[in-house]
Amino acid sequence: MSGILESVRDQSESDVSQGSVGVSPLGLNLQERAAAIDEERLNRDRLARLRVELSKRGYAGALFSDPINIRYATGTRNMAVWTMHAPGRYAFVGTDGPVVLFEFGSTLHVSRNSSCVDEIRVSTPWFHFLAGCRVQEKTETWATQVIDLLAGYDRSNRRLAVDRCEPWGAQLLIEAGIQLFDAQEAIEHARTIKTPDEILCMQLSVDVADVAIDRMRRALVPGITENQLWSILHETNIAHGGEWIECRLLASGERTNPWFQESSNRLIQAGDIVAFDTDMVGPFGYLADISRSFVCPGRRPTSTQRQLYETAQRQVLTNMELIRPGMEFREFAARCWPMPEEYIPNRYMMTVHGAGMVDEYPSVALMTDWEEWGIDGRFEENMVVCVESFIGKPGAKEGVKLEQQALITRSGAVPMSSTPLIDAIEA
């Protein structure tokens, strides 16, 4: 197996030396496009959208601990994956007031150049790893910081949106007379409509994913492991300024059905279906979320494999063609491609979901699941959505996963990926 991986790495090095890894499928240099992004305008416009949503709900401000929300609101990034489970930094966003970033310990210098942050203070982490037996003390210090900040900014409005807060911390804020609300609603709705710079960032991320998928396709040979193939996506993403992969969704052969097996050291065999979902947080922290399924070279696709692929392809293309600005989610679900009964038990849990920095609002359920999971809302211009399909019969050997990321324009949904979807199983 080491020989196969070395061959893949040699090809990757050849790509870099020839410059092809830095060129998108559109023939544009990815590094030049990344350098042309106006980050100050990007950050400023996102903060403005957030404040509109906070104002609509009558909030004095919002307190964010989720690193994705902090980045959207402030444009700052610091140890994002670690702080997802160890909330050592947080940010206060005044609806009509200051943006105060509480940065982690000795890392204050990391965020000093943010044009959206008015003040940087040292944070007080109050989770057990750092606080130990002093959790209560540190929680009280944290709460005092928040209470004093809100009181100093606006004594008349005690409505604070919060995205993540342990109950013992929330209780101290409530006892101080602060009313707590779910910040996720406001920020998800702010993030739903993409600014022009966000669309550029998302297209750049999808183009990086397309480069990676092309490299994965060329590296797919019998005997390579799922993990070895999956590593190419990570390497390409990081090399182009990307950040992380949300999941490990690459499977082959009998591991493709039902969906959601994570990549393993299984040896891929000739003729196996290989399916994956990129879930890739790329340059500038924006998501490229596309799924493709290929057949490993060395054996022609079977009639069953072709049927699975054609069925999944029909679901994605039919549903994407339906999307129009102003269409209600319920109407869309009712008009969606009718899934044959034999595939319903292993269906994907939604028809469409939003995309931005990660998977985002909305999540549009299948009509089958509407009573339990259906939500009100409508598609709007400049949303970015992902149209989903998984096709596999219960007990059958294999399944096919397809997903297309698309920008909703005035005339409908336009695919963002140039990686072939139509008849790609034969490519």
Protein backbone atom coordinates (compact mmCIF):
# COMPACT_ATOMS: atom_id res chain seq x y z
CA MET A 1 0.00 0.00 0.00
CA SER A 2 2.90 2.36 0.62
CA GLY A 3 3.72 2.21 -3.11
CA ILE A 4 0.22 3.33 -4.06
CA LEU A 5 0.27 6.24 -1.61
CA GLU A 6 3.74 7.28 -2.80
CA SER A 7 2.42 7.27 -6.37
CA VAL A 8 -0.48 9.52 -5.35
CA ARG A 9 1.93 11.88 -3.57
CA ASP A 10 4.26 11.92 -6.57
CA GLN A 11 1.33 12.92 -8.80
CA SER A 12 0.38 15.65 -6.29
CA GLU A 13 3.91 17.01 -6.30
CA SER A 14 3.83 16.99 -10.11
CA ASP A 15 0.59 18.96 -10.04
CA VAL A 16 2.15 21.58 -7.78
CA SER A 17 5.37 21.85 -9.82
CA GLN A 18 3.38 22.30 -13.04
CA GLY A 19 1.07 24.83 -11.42
CA SER A 20 -2.09 22.84 -12.22
CA VAL A 21 -3.09 22.45 -8.60
CA GLY A 22 -3.41 26.22 -8.36
CA VAL A 23 -5.72 26.53 -11.32
CA SER A 24 -9.47 26.09 -10.97
CA PRO A 25 -11.59 24.12 -13.43
CA LEU A 26 -12.61 27.54 -14.77
CA GLY A 27 -9.01 28.21 -15.78
CA LEU A 28 -8.52 30.96 -13.19
CA ASN A 29 -5.62 31.09 -10.78
CA LEU A 30 -6.99 30.30 -7.33
CA GLN A 31 -4.30 32.17 -5.42
CA GLU A 32 -4.88 35.33 -7.42
CA ARG A 33 -8.62 35.11 -6.82
CA ALA A 34 -8.10 34.60 -3.09
CA ALA A 35 -5.83 37.67 -2.95
CA ALA A 36 -8.50 39.74 -4.69
CA ILE A 37 -11.16 39.11 -2.00
CA ASP A 38 -11.90 42.34 -0.08
CA GLU A 39 -11.89 40.94 3.45
CA GLU A 40 -12.68 44.24 5.14
CA ARG A 41 -15.81 44.69 3.05
CA LEU A 42 -16.70 41.02 3.54
CA ASN A 43 -16.51 41.40 7.33
CA ARG A 44 -18.26 44.76 7.42
CA ASP A 45 -21.20 43.58 5.33
CA ARG A 46 -21.68 40.44 7.42
CA LEU A 47 -21.73 42.45 10.65
CA ALA A 48 -24.30 44.82 9.15
CA ARG A 49 -26.57 41.91 8.21
CA LEU A 50 -26.29 40.48 11.70
CA ARG A 51 -27.18 43.78 13.35
CA VAL A 52 -30.30 44.07 11.19
CA GLU A 53 -31.49 40.70 12.48
CA LEU A 54 -30.69 41.58 16.11
CA SER A 55 -32.59 44.84 15.74
CA LYS A 56 -35.64 43.08 14.24
CA ARG A 57 -35.91 41.02 17.42
CA GLY A 58 -35.36 43.92 19.81
CA TYR A 59 -32.12 42.58 21.28
CA ALA A 60 -29.59 44.87 22.95
CA GLY A 61 -26.89 42.64 21.53
CA ALA A 62 -25.59 39.11 21.21
CA LEU A 63 -23.00 37.02 23.01
CA PHE A 64 -21.28 34.41 20.84
CA SER A 65 -19.08 31.49 21.90
CA ASP A 66 -19.48 29.33 18.79
CA PRO A 67 -16.34 29.98 16.69
CA ILE A 68 -18.35 29.99 13.44
CA ASN A 69 -20.61 32.72 14.79
CA ILE A 70 -17.64 34.69 16.16
CA ARG A 71 -16.01 34.60 12.75
CA TYR A 72 -19.16 35.70 10.94
CA ALA A 73 -19.66 38.60 13.36
CA THR A 74 -16.06 39.77 13.81
CA GLY A 75 -14.03 38.35 10.92
CA THR A 76 -11.58 36.80 13.41
CA ARG A 77 -10.33 33.23 13.51
CA ASN A 78 -8.40 31.60 16.33
CA MET A 79 -8.17 27.86 17.05
CA ALA A 80 -11.64 27.30 15.59
CA VAL A 81 -11.85 23.52 15.93
CA TRP A 82 -10.46 23.51 19.49
CA THR A 83 -12.83 26.22 20.65
CA MET A 84 -15.80 24.26 19.31
CA HIS A 85 -15.42 22.02 22.36
CA ALA A 86 -13.35 24.31 24.58
CA PRO A 87 -15.06 27.75 24.46
CA GLY A 88 -12.05 29.84 25.49
CA ARG A 89 -13.02 32.93 23.50
CA TYR A 90 -16.30 34.79 23.04
CA ALA A 91 -17.60 38.01 21.53
CA PHE A 92 -20.22 40.61 22.44
CA VAL A 93 -21.91 42.36 19.52
CA GLY A 94 -23.95 45.42 20.44
CA THR A 95 -26.92 45.98 18.16
CA ASP A 96 -26.15 49.70 18.13
CA GLY A 97 -22.93 49.61 20.09
CA PRO A 98 -19.47 48.10 20.34
CA VAL A 99 -18.08 44.78 19.25
CA VAL A 100 -15.97 43.45 22.11
CA LEU A 101 -13.89 40.32 21.51
CA PHE A 102 -12.78 38.35 24.56
CA GLU A 103 -9.68 36.63 23.24
CA PHE A 104 -7.93 33.60 24.69
CA GLY A 105 -5.00 34.32 26.99
CA SER A 106 -1.75 35.12 25.24
CA THR A 107 -3.31 35.16 21.75
CA LEU A 108 -4.58 38.76 21.85
CA HIS A 109 -2.28 39.74 18.98
CA VAL A 110 -3.99 37.31 16.58
CA SER A 111 -7.13 39.48 16.26
CA ARG A 112 -5.69 43.00 16.50
CA ASN A 113 -6.18 43.77 12.81
CA SER A 114 -9.92 43.13 12.67
CA SER A 115 -11.70 46.23 11.41
CA CYS A 116 -14.98 45.04 12.98
CA VAL A 117 -13.71 44.70 16.56
CA ASP A 118 -13.82 47.84 18.71
CA GLU A 119 -12.07 46.35 21.74
CA ILE A 120 -10.17 43.18 22.65
CA ARG A 121 -10.15 41.91 26.22
CA VAL A 122 -8.72 38.80 27.87
CA SER A 123 -11.34 36.07 28.15
CA THR A 124 -12.21 34.11 31.27
CA PRO A 125 -12.63 30.45 30.28
CA TRP A 126 -14.96 28.69 32.72
CA PHE A 127 -14.92 25.10 31.53
CA HIS A 128 -13.42 22.36 33.68
CA PHE A 129 -10.27 21.65 31.66
CA LEU A 130 -8.86 25.08 32.52
CA ALA A 131 -10.87 26.06 35.61
CA GLY A 132 -10.86 22.72 37.44
CA CYS A 133 -12.18 23.11 40.99
CA ARG A 134 -12.53 26.86 40.38
CA VAL A 135 -15.35 26.56 37.82
CA GLN A 136 -17.82 28.45 40.03
CA GLU A 137 -15.34 31.28 40.65
CA LYS A 138 -14.46 31.60 36.98
CA THR A 139 -18.12 31.43 35.98
CA GLU A 140 -18.88 34.34 38.29
CA THR A 141 -15.99 36.35 36.82
CA TRP A 142 -17.26 35.64 33.30
CA ALA A 143 -20.81 36.59 34.23
CA THR A 144 -19.66 39.85 35.83
CA GLN A 145 -17.83 40.75 32.60
CA VAL A 146 -20.99 40.22 30.56
CA ILE A 147 -23.32 41.94 33.03
CA ASP A 148 -21.09 45.01 33.35
CA LEU A 149 -20.60 45.23 29.59
CA LEU A 150 -24.32 45.12 28.87
CA ALA A 151 -25.11 47.60 31.67
CA GLY A 152 -22.45 50.01 30.47
CA TYR A 153 -23.78 49.89 26.94
CA ASP A 154 -27.57 50.00 27.43
CA ARG A 155 -29.30 49.91 30.83
CA SER A 156 -32.80 50.12 29.33
CA ASN A 157 -32.63 46.95 27.20
CA ARG A 158 -31.86 43.68 29.01
CA ARG A 159 -32.60 41.39 26.06
CA LEU A 160 -29.47 39.42 25.19
CA ALA A 161 -29.14 36.79 22.46
CA VAL A 162 -26.79 33.92 23.39
CA ASP A 163 -25.69 31.01 21.25
CA ARG A 164 -23.98 28.71 23.77
CA CYS A 165 -24.04 28.94 27.54
CA GLU A 166 -23.84 26.31 30.28
CA PRO A 167 -26.82 26.47 32.67
CA TRP A 168 -24.81 27.65 35.70
CA GLY A 169 -23.55 30.63 33.71
CA ALA A 170 -26.96 31.38 32.23
CA GLN A 171 -28.49 31.35 35.71
CA LEU A 172 -26.16 34.13 36.88
CA LEU A 173 -27.16 36.30 33.93
CA ILE A 174 -30.86 35.67 34.58
CA GLU A 175 -30.46 36.51 38.27
CA ALA A 176 -28.96 39.84 37.17
CA GLY A 177 -32.16 40.64 35.30
CA ILE A 178 -30.95 39.77 31.80
CA GLN A 179 -33.44 38.08 29.49
CA LEU A 180 -31.79 35.38 27.37
CA PHE A 181 -32.81 34.46 23.82
CA ASP A 182 -31.53 32.04 21.19
CA ALA A 183 -28.90 33.87 19.13
CA GLN A 184 -28.80 31.11 16.55
CA GLU A 185 -32.09 32.18 14.99
CA ALA A 186 -30.86 35.72 14.34
CA ILE A 187 -27.44 34.76 13.03
CA GLU A 188 -28.75 31.90 10.87
CA HIS A 189 -31.17 34.30 9.19
CA ALA A 190 -28.36 36.84 8.73
CA ARG A 191 -26.24 34.14 7.11
CA THR A 192 -29.03 32.89 4.82
CA ILE A 193 -28.58 35.58 2.14
CA LYS A 194 -25.02 35.82 0.88
CA THR A 195 -23.27 39.10 0.20
CA PRO A 196 -21.44 39.46 -3.15
CA ASP A 197 -18.09 38.83 -1.42
CA GLU A 198 -19.44 35.74 0.31
CA ILE A 199 -20.52 34.35 -3.06
CA LEU A 200 -16.98 34.89 -4.37
CA CYS A 201 -15.59 33.07 -1.33
CA MET A 202 -17.98 30.17 -1.75
CA GLN A 203 -17.22 29.81 -5.45
CA LEU A 204 -13.51 29.81 -4.64
CA SER A 205 -14.02 27.06 -2.07
CA VAL A 206 -16.06 24.95 -4.50
CA ASP A 207 -13.38 25.39 -7.17
CA VAL A 208 -10.75 24.14 -4.70
CA ALA A 209 -12.97 21.13 -3.99
CA ASP A 210 -13.26 20.50 -7.73
CA VAL A 211 -9.46 20.46 -8.03
CA ALA A 212 -9.31 17.97 -5.15
CA ILE A 213 -12.02 15.74 -6.63
CA ASP A 214 -10.17 15.62 -9.95
CA ARG A 215 -7.03 14.52 -8.12
CA MET A 216 -9.02 11.93 -6.15
CA ARG A 217 -10.52 10.56 -9.35
CA ARG A 218 -7.10 10.20 -10.96
CA ALA A 219 -5.74 8.52 -7.80
CA LEU A 220 -8.60 6.03 -7.56
CA VAL A 221 -7.09 2.61 -8.36
CA PRO A 222 -7.70 -0.87 -6.94
CA GLY A 223 -5.81 -1.34 -3.66
CA ILE A 224 -5.82 2.24 -2.42
CA THR A 225 -7.52 2.60 0.96
CA GLU A 226 -10.47 4.83 1.67
CA ASN A 227 -8.34 6.88 4.05
CA GLN A 228 -5.57 7.34 1.51
CA LEU A 229 -8.05 8.58 -1.08
CA TRP A 230 -9.78 10.83 1.47
CA SER A 231 -6.48 12.43 2.49
CA ILE A 232 -6.15 14.00 -0.97
CA LEU A 233 -9.16 16.24 -0.28
CA HIS A 234 -7.60 17.42 2.99
CA GLU A 235 -4.18 18.05 1.43
CA THR A 236 -5.61 20.03 -1.48
CA ASN A 237 -7.83 22.10 0.79
CA ILE A 238 -5.03 23.06 3.18
CA ALA A 239 -2.62 23.79 0.30
CA HIS A 240 -5.11 26.34 -1.05
CA GLY A 241 -5.71 28.11 2.26
CA GLY A 242 -8.67 25.99 3.34
CA GLU A 243 -9.33 25.03 6.92
CA TRP A 244 -10.92 21.70 7.81
CA ILE A 245 -13.32 18.93 6.76
CA GLU A 246 -16.53 18.68 8.81
CA CYS A 247 -17.01 14.90 8.48
CA ARG A 248 -15.20 11.77 7.22
CA LEU A 249 -17.79 10.67 4.68
CA LEU A 250 -16.05 8.50 2.10
CA ALA A 251 -17.05 4.86 1.73
CA SER A 252 -16.64 2.10 -0.83
CA GLY A 253 -18.31 -1.13 -1.87
CA GLU A 254 -20.70 -2.56 0.70
CA ARG A 255 -19.90 0.30 3.10
CA THR A 256 -21.80 2.74 0.86
CA ASN A 257 -25.24 1.41 1.88
CA PRO A 258 -26.73 2.62 4.14
CA TRP A 259 -25.01 6.01 3.98
CA PHE A 260 -22.92 7.75 6.69
CA GLN A 261 -20.08 5.25 7.13
CA GLU A 262 -16.85 7.12 7.85
CA SER A 263 -13.67 6.50 5.85
CA SER A 264 -11.57 3.52 6.91
CA ASN A 265 -8.53 1.49 5.95
CA ARG A 266 -10.66 -0.73 3.71
CA LEU A 267 -8.91 -1.58 0.42
CA ILE A 268 -10.98 -0.35 -2.51
CA GLN A 269 -11.53 -3.04 -5.13
CA ALA A 270 -11.98 -2.81 -8.89
CA GLY A 271 -15.64 -2.17 -9.67
CA ASP A 272 -16.54 -0.84 -6.21
CA ILE A 273 -18.74 2.22 -5.95
CA VAL A 274 -16.79 4.92 -4.12
CA ALA A 275 -19.02 7.66 -2.69
CA PHE A 276 -18.05 10.75 -0.72
CA ASP A 277 -19.37 14.04 0.64
CA THR A 278 -16.76 16.80 0.79
CA ASP A 279 -18.17 18.84 3.76
CA MET A 280 -15.08 21.00 3.15
CA VAL A 281 -14.54 24.29 4.96
CA GLY A 282 -12.26 25.94 2.46
CA PRO A 283 -10.62 29.35 1.92
CA PHE A 284 -11.96 32.20 4.10
CA GLY A 285 -13.92 29.65 6.13
CA TYR A 286 -16.59 28.95 3.50
CA LEU A 287 -18.16 25.60 2.72
CA ALA A 288 -17.87 23.44 -0.37
CA ASP A 289 -20.45 20.69 0.14
CA ILE A 290 -20.76 18.42 -2.87
CA SER A 291 -21.07 14.63 -3.18
CA ARG A 292 -20.00 12.37 -6.00
CA SER A 293 -19.97 8.62 -6.59
CA PHE A 294 -17.53 6.86 -8.90
CA VAL A 295 -16.80 3.26 -9.85
CA CYS A 296 -13.22 2.16 -9.19
CA PRO A 297 -11.44 1.38 -12.48
CA GLY A 298 -10.71 -2.20 -13.46
CA ARG A 299 -14.30 -3.34 -14.00
CA ARG A 300 -17.17 -1.78 -15.93
CA PRO A 301 -20.14 -0.48 -13.93
CA THR A 302 -22.87 -3.07 -13.54
CA SER A 303 -26.47 -2.48 -14.64
CA THR A 304 -27.43 -2.18 -10.95
CA GLN A 305 -24.77 0.46 -10.35
CA ARG A 306 -25.93 2.41 -13.41
CA GLN A 307 -29.53 2.26 -12.22
CA LEU A 308 -28.59 3.52 -8.74
CA TYR A 309 -26.59 6.37 -10.24
CA GLU A 310 -29.23 7.37 -12.78
CA THR A 311 -31.89 7.39 -10.04
CA ALA A 312 -29.81 9.60 -7.73
CA GLN A 313 -28.93 11.87 -10.64
CA ARG A 314 -32.62 12.24 -11.53
CA GLN A 315 -33.49 13.23 -7.95
CA VAL A 316 -30.81 15.94 -7.79
CA LEU A 317 -31.46 17.38 -11.25
CA THR A 318 -35.26 17.34 -10.94
CA ASN A 319 -35.27 18.99 -7.51
CA MET A 320 -32.67 21.60 -8.44
CA GLU A 321 -34.69 22.58 -11.52
CA LEU A 322 -37.73 23.25 -9.30
CA ILE A 323 -36.07 25.87 -7.09
CA ARG A 324 -37.12 29.46 -7.68
CA PRO A 325 -36.88 32.59 -5.50
CA GLY A 326 -40.13 33.04 -3.59
CA MET A 327 -41.08 29.34 -3.63
CA GLU A 328 -42.34 28.12 -0.24
CA PHE A 329 -40.49 25.19 1.27
CA ARG A 330 -43.71 23.19 1.60
CA GLU A 331 -44.58 23.73 -2.05
CA PHE A 332 -41.09 22.61 -3.04
CA ALA A 333 -41.32 19.45 -0.92
CA ALA A 334 -44.73 18.63 -2.41
CA ARG A 335 -43.43 19.01 -5.98
CA CYS A 336 -40.12 17.19 -5.47
CA TRP A 337 -39.11 14.10 -7.40
CA PRO A 338 -41.22 11.19 -6.10
CA MET A 339 -38.84 8.68 -4.55
CA PRO A 340 -39.68 5.03 -5.35
CA GLU A 341 -40.89 3.11 -2.30
CA GLU A 342 -37.94 0.73 -2.26
CA TYR A 343 -35.48 3.57 -1.59
CA ILE A 344 -37.46 5.44 1.08
CA PRO A 345 -36.17 3.50 4.14
CA ASN A 346 -32.55 4.49 3.40
CA ARG A 347 -33.36 8.01 2.15
CA TYR A 348 -31.29 11.06 2.94
CA MET A 349 -32.95 13.04 5.75
CA MET A 350 -33.57 16.21 3.72
CA THR A 351 -34.02 17.33 0.12
CA VAL A 352 -32.13 20.63 0.41
CA HIS A 353 -30.13 22.50 3.02
CA GLY A 354 -28.47 25.88 3.14
CA ALA A 355 -24.72 26.39 2.98
CA GLY A 356 -22.41 29.22 4.01
CA MET A 357 -19.59 28.90 6.49
CA VAL A 358 -20.95 25.41 7.28
CA ASP A 359 -24.28 23.65 6.76
CA GLU A 360 -26.83 26.34 7.53
CA TYR A 361 -30.53 27.19 7.58
CA PRO A 362 -32.77 26.13 5.98
CA SER A 363 -33.18 22.36 6.12
CA VAL A 364 -36.06 21.32 3.86
CA ALA A 365 -37.55 17.93 4.67
CA LEU A 366 -38.97 15.38 2.26
CA MET A 367 -42.76 15.33 2.09
CA THR A 368 -42.56 11.89 3.72
CA ASP A 369 -41.12 13.57 6.82
CA TRP A 370 -42.98 16.88 6.61
CA GLU A 371 -45.29 16.35 9.58
CA GLU A 372 -42.30 15.75 11.87
CA TRP A 373 -39.62 18.01 10.33
CA GLY A 374 -41.26 20.46 7.90
CA ILE A 375 -40.63 24.19 8.46
CA ASP A 376 -42.13 27.39 7.09
CA GLY A 377 -40.04 29.61 4.84
CA ARG A 378 -39.19 30.34 1.22
CA PHE A 379 -36.21 30.29 -1.10
CA GLU A 380 -34.66 33.68 -1.81
CA GLU A 381 -32.21 35.08 -4.33
CA ASN A 382 -28.55 34.80 -3.25
CA MET A 383 -29.15 31.87 -0.97
CA VAL A 384 -26.67 29.04 -1.49
CA VAL A 385 -28.22 25.59 -1.13
CA CYS A 386 -27.17 21.97 -1.46
CA VAL A 387 -29.51 19.55 -3.23
CA GLU A 388 -29.19 16.06 -1.73
CA SER A 389 -29.72 12.46 -2.78
CA PHE A 390 -28.87 9.04 -1.45
CA ILE A 391 -30.21 6.02 -3.31
CA GLY A 392 -29.83 2.54 -1.85
CA LYS A 393 -32.23 -0.31 -1.13
CA PRO A 394 -32.29 -1.83 2.38
CA GLY A 395 -30.11 -4.95 2.39
CA ALA A 396 -28.57 -4.23 -1.01
CA LYS A 397 -24.80 -4.20 -1.42
CA GLU A 398 -24.19 -0.60 -2.57
CA GLY A 399 -25.71 2.87 -2.73
CA VAL A 400 -25.04 6.16 -4.52
CA LYS A 401 -24.60 9.55 -2.85
CA LEU A 402 -24.90 12.73 -4.94
CA GLU A 403 -25.13 16.37 -3.88
CA GLN A 404 -24.93 19.58 -5.85
CA GLN A 405 -24.21 23.00 -4.34
CA ALA A 406 -26.04 25.80 -6.13
CA LEU A 407 -26.51 29.57 -6.00
CA ILE A 408 -30.13 30.72 -6.23
CA THR A 409 -30.34 33.43 -8.85
CA ARG A 410 -33.32 35.41 -10.14
CA SER A 411 -34.02 32.66 -12.68
CA GLY A 412 -33.34 29.61 -10.51
CA ALA A 413 -30.59 27.46 -8.98
CA VAL A 414 -27.21 27.49 -10.77
CA PRO A 415 -24.64 24.74 -9.96
CA MET A 416 -21.39 26.01 -8.45
CA SER A 417 -19.33 22.87 -9.11
CA SER A 418 -17.85 21.99 -12.49
CA THR A 419 -17.19 18.37 -11.47
CA PRO A 420 -19.44 16.31 -13.78
CA LEU A 421 -22.68 15.02 -12.34
CA ILE A 422 -24.46 13.90 -15.47
CA ASP A 423 -23.45 10.33 -16.44
CA ALA A 424 -20.26 10.67 -14.38
CA ILE A 425 -20.33 6.99 -13.43
CA GLU A 426 -19.25 6.21 -17.01
CA ALA A 427 -16.45 8.82 -17.07
